[in-house]
Amino acid sequence: MNYHLLREFADSWGLVIMTVLFLSLIGWAFLPRNREANRRAANSIFEDENDNG
């Protein structure tokens, strides 16, 4: 494999692969079974706060 073959592959299929990967990751994040884990992750920054300010 040389640079030109890799470049041709990236030009033709790279965008398709990246789009499928992006949509898969977004879909995985919004699955109902991940709702509780996402809620815990979102609220984790508030767990160690002091009431003193």
N, C-alpha and C. Protein backbone atom coordinates (compact mmCIF):
# COMPACT_ATOMS: atom_id res chain seq x y z
N MET A 1 0.84 -1.19 0.00
CA MET A 1 0.00 0.00 0.00
C MET A 1 0.89 1.25 0.00
N ASN A 2 0.53 2.14 -0.83
CA ASN A 2 1.25 3.39 -0.85
C ASN A 2 0.28 4.53 -0.54
N TYR A 3 0.81 5.71 -0.54
CA TYR A 3 0.02 6.89 -0.16
C TYR A 3 -1.18 7.08 -1.07
N HIS A 4 -1.03 6.88 -2.34
CA HIS A 4 -2.11 7.13 -3.29
C HIS A 4 -3.28 6.17 -3.09
N LEU A 5 -2.98 4.91 -2.80
CA LEU A 5 -4.06 3.96 -2.53
C LEU A 5 -4.81 4.32 -1.25
N LEU A 6 -4.06 4.67 -0.21
CA LEU A 6 -4.70 5.08 1.05
C LEU A 6 -5.53 6.34 0.86
N ARG A 7 -5.01 7.27 0.10
CA ARG A 7 -5.73 8.51 -0.16
C ARG A 7 -7.02 8.25 -0.95
N GLU A 8 -6.96 7.37 -1.92
CA GLU A 8 -8.15 7.03 -2.70
C GLU A 8 -9.20 6.35 -1.83
N PHE A 9 -8.75 5.44 -0.96
CA PHE A 9 -9.69 4.79 -0.05
C PHE A 9 -10.32 5.79 0.90
N ALA A 10 -9.53 6.69 1.46
CA ALA A 10 -10.05 7.69 2.38
C ALA A 10 -11.04 8.63 1.69
N ASP A 11 -10.76 8.99 0.47
CA ASP A 11 -11.66 9.87 -0.27
C ASP A 11 -12.98 9.18 -0.60
N SER A 12 -12.94 7.89 -0.85
CA SER A 12 -14.16 7.22 -1.28
C SER A 12 -14.96 6.66 -0.10
N TRP A 13 -14.30 6.06 0.88
CA TRP A 13 -15.02 5.38 1.96
C TRP A 13 -14.80 6.02 3.33
N GLY A 14 -13.85 6.88 3.47
CA GLY A 14 -13.55 7.47 4.77
C GLY A 14 -14.72 8.23 5.37
N LEU A 15 -15.37 9.05 4.57
CA LEU A 15 -16.51 9.83 5.06
C LEU A 15 -17.67 8.93 5.44
N VAL A 16 -17.90 7.90 4.66
CA VAL A 16 -18.99 6.96 4.96
C VAL A 16 -18.72 6.25 6.29
N ILE A 17 -17.50 5.77 6.48
CA ILE A 17 -17.14 5.06 7.71
C ILE A 17 -17.25 5.99 8.91
N MET A 18 -16.76 7.21 8.80
CA MET A 18 -16.83 8.15 9.92
C MET A 18 -18.28 8.52 10.23
N THR A 19 -19.12 8.66 9.22
CA THR A 19 -20.52 8.99 9.45
C THR A 19 -21.24 7.85 10.15
N VAL A 20 -21.01 6.62 9.71
CA VAL A 20 -21.62 5.46 10.35
C VAL A 20 -21.15 5.34 11.80
N LEU A 21 -19.86 5.55 12.03
CA LEU A 21 -19.33 5.49 13.39
C LEU A 21 -19.94 6.57 14.27
N PHE A 22 -20.05 7.78 13.77
CA PHE A 22 -20.64 8.89 14.52
C PHE A 22 -22.09 8.58 14.88
N LEU A 23 -22.87 8.15 13.91
CA LEU A 23 -24.28 7.85 14.17
C LEU A 23 -24.43 6.68 15.14
N SER A 24 -23.55 5.71 15.05
CA SER A 24 -23.59 4.57 15.97
C SER A 24 -23.31 5.02 17.40
N LEU A 25 -22.32 5.86 17.57
CA LEU A 25 -21.99 6.34 18.92
C LEU A 25 -23.09 7.22 19.49
N ILE A 26 -23.67 8.06 18.67
CA ILE A 26 -24.78 8.90 19.14
C ILE A 26 -25.97 8.03 19.50
N GLY A 27 -26.28 7.05 18.67
CA GLY A 27 -27.38 6.14 18.96
C GLY A 27 -27.14 5.35 20.23
N TRP A 28 -25.91 4.90 20.45
CA TRP A 28 -25.58 4.15 21.67
C TRP A 28 -25.77 5.02 22.91
N ALA A 29 -25.40 6.29 22.82
CA ALA A 29 -25.52 7.18 23.97
C ALA A 29 -26.97 7.41 24.36
N PHE A 30 -27.88 7.35 23.41
CA PHE A 30 -29.29 7.63 23.69
C PHE A 30 -30.14 6.38 23.87
N LEU A 31 -29.52 5.20 23.96
CA LEU A 31 -30.29 3.99 24.22
C LEU A 31 -30.94 4.07 25.60
N PRO A 32 -32.16 3.58 25.74
CA PRO A 32 -32.83 3.65 27.04
C PRO A 32 -32.06 2.95 28.15
N ARG A 33 -31.33 1.89 27.86
CA ARG A 33 -30.62 1.17 28.91
C ARG A 33 -29.44 1.97 29.46
N ASN A 34 -29.02 3.01 28.77
CA ASN A 34 -27.91 3.85 29.24
C ASN A 34 -28.39 5.09 29.98
N ARG A 35 -29.68 5.25 30.15
CA ARG A 35 -30.24 6.46 30.75
C ARG A 35 -29.72 6.68 32.17
N GLU A 36 -29.72 5.65 32.99
CA GLU A 36 -29.27 5.79 34.38
C GLU A 36 -27.77 6.09 34.45
N ALA A 37 -26.98 5.44 33.64
CA ALA A 37 -25.53 5.70 33.62
C ALA A 37 -25.26 7.14 33.17
N ASN A 38 -26.00 7.62 32.20
CA ASN A 38 -25.83 9.00 31.75
C ASN A 38 -26.24 9.99 32.83
N ARG A 39 -27.30 9.69 33.56
CA ARG A 39 -27.76 10.55 34.64
C ARG A 39 -26.70 10.60 35.76
N ARG A 40 -26.13 9.44 36.11
CA ARG A 40 -25.09 9.42 37.15
C ARG A 40 -23.86 10.21 36.69
N ALA A 41 -23.48 10.07 35.45
CA ALA A 41 -22.32 10.79 34.93
C ALA A 41 -22.56 12.30 34.93
N ALA A 42 -23.77 12.70 34.59
CA ALA A 42 -24.09 14.13 34.54
C ALA A 42 -24.10 14.74 35.94
N ASN A 43 -24.52 13.98 36.94
CA ASN A 43 -24.61 14.51 38.30
C ASN A 43 -23.37 14.24 39.13
N SER A 44 -22.39 13.53 38.61
CA SER A 44 -21.21 13.17 39.39
C SER A 44 -20.39 14.38 39.81
N ILE A 45 -20.44 15.46 39.06
CA ILE A 45 -19.64 16.64 39.42
C ILE A 45 -20.19 17.33 40.66
N PHE A 46 -21.44 17.05 41.04
CA PHE A 46 -22.05 17.69 42.20
C PHE A 46 -21.93 16.85 43.47
N GLU A 47 -21.40 15.66 43.41
CA GLU A 47 -21.38 14.76 44.55
C GLU A 47 -20.45 15.21 45.67
N ASP A 48 -19.34 15.85 45.35
CA ASP A 48 -18.36 16.22 46.36
C ASP A 48 -18.43 17.68 46.76
N GLU A 49 -19.52 18.35 46.48
CA GLU A 49 -19.63 19.76 46.84
C GLU A 49 -19.92 19.92 48.33
N ASN A 50 -19.35 20.96 48.90
CA ASN A 50 -19.64 21.31 50.28
C ASN A 50 -20.80 22.28 50.32
N ASP A 51 -21.55 22.24 51.40
CA ASP A 51 -22.67 23.18 51.53
C ASP A 51 -22.18 24.57 51.94
N ASN A 52 -20.90 24.72 52.27
CA ASN A 52 -20.36 26.01 52.70
C ASN A 52 -20.17 26.98 51.54
N GLY A 53 -20.15 26.48 50.35
CA GLY A 53 -19.99 27.35 49.19
C GLY A 53 -18.61 27.31 48.75
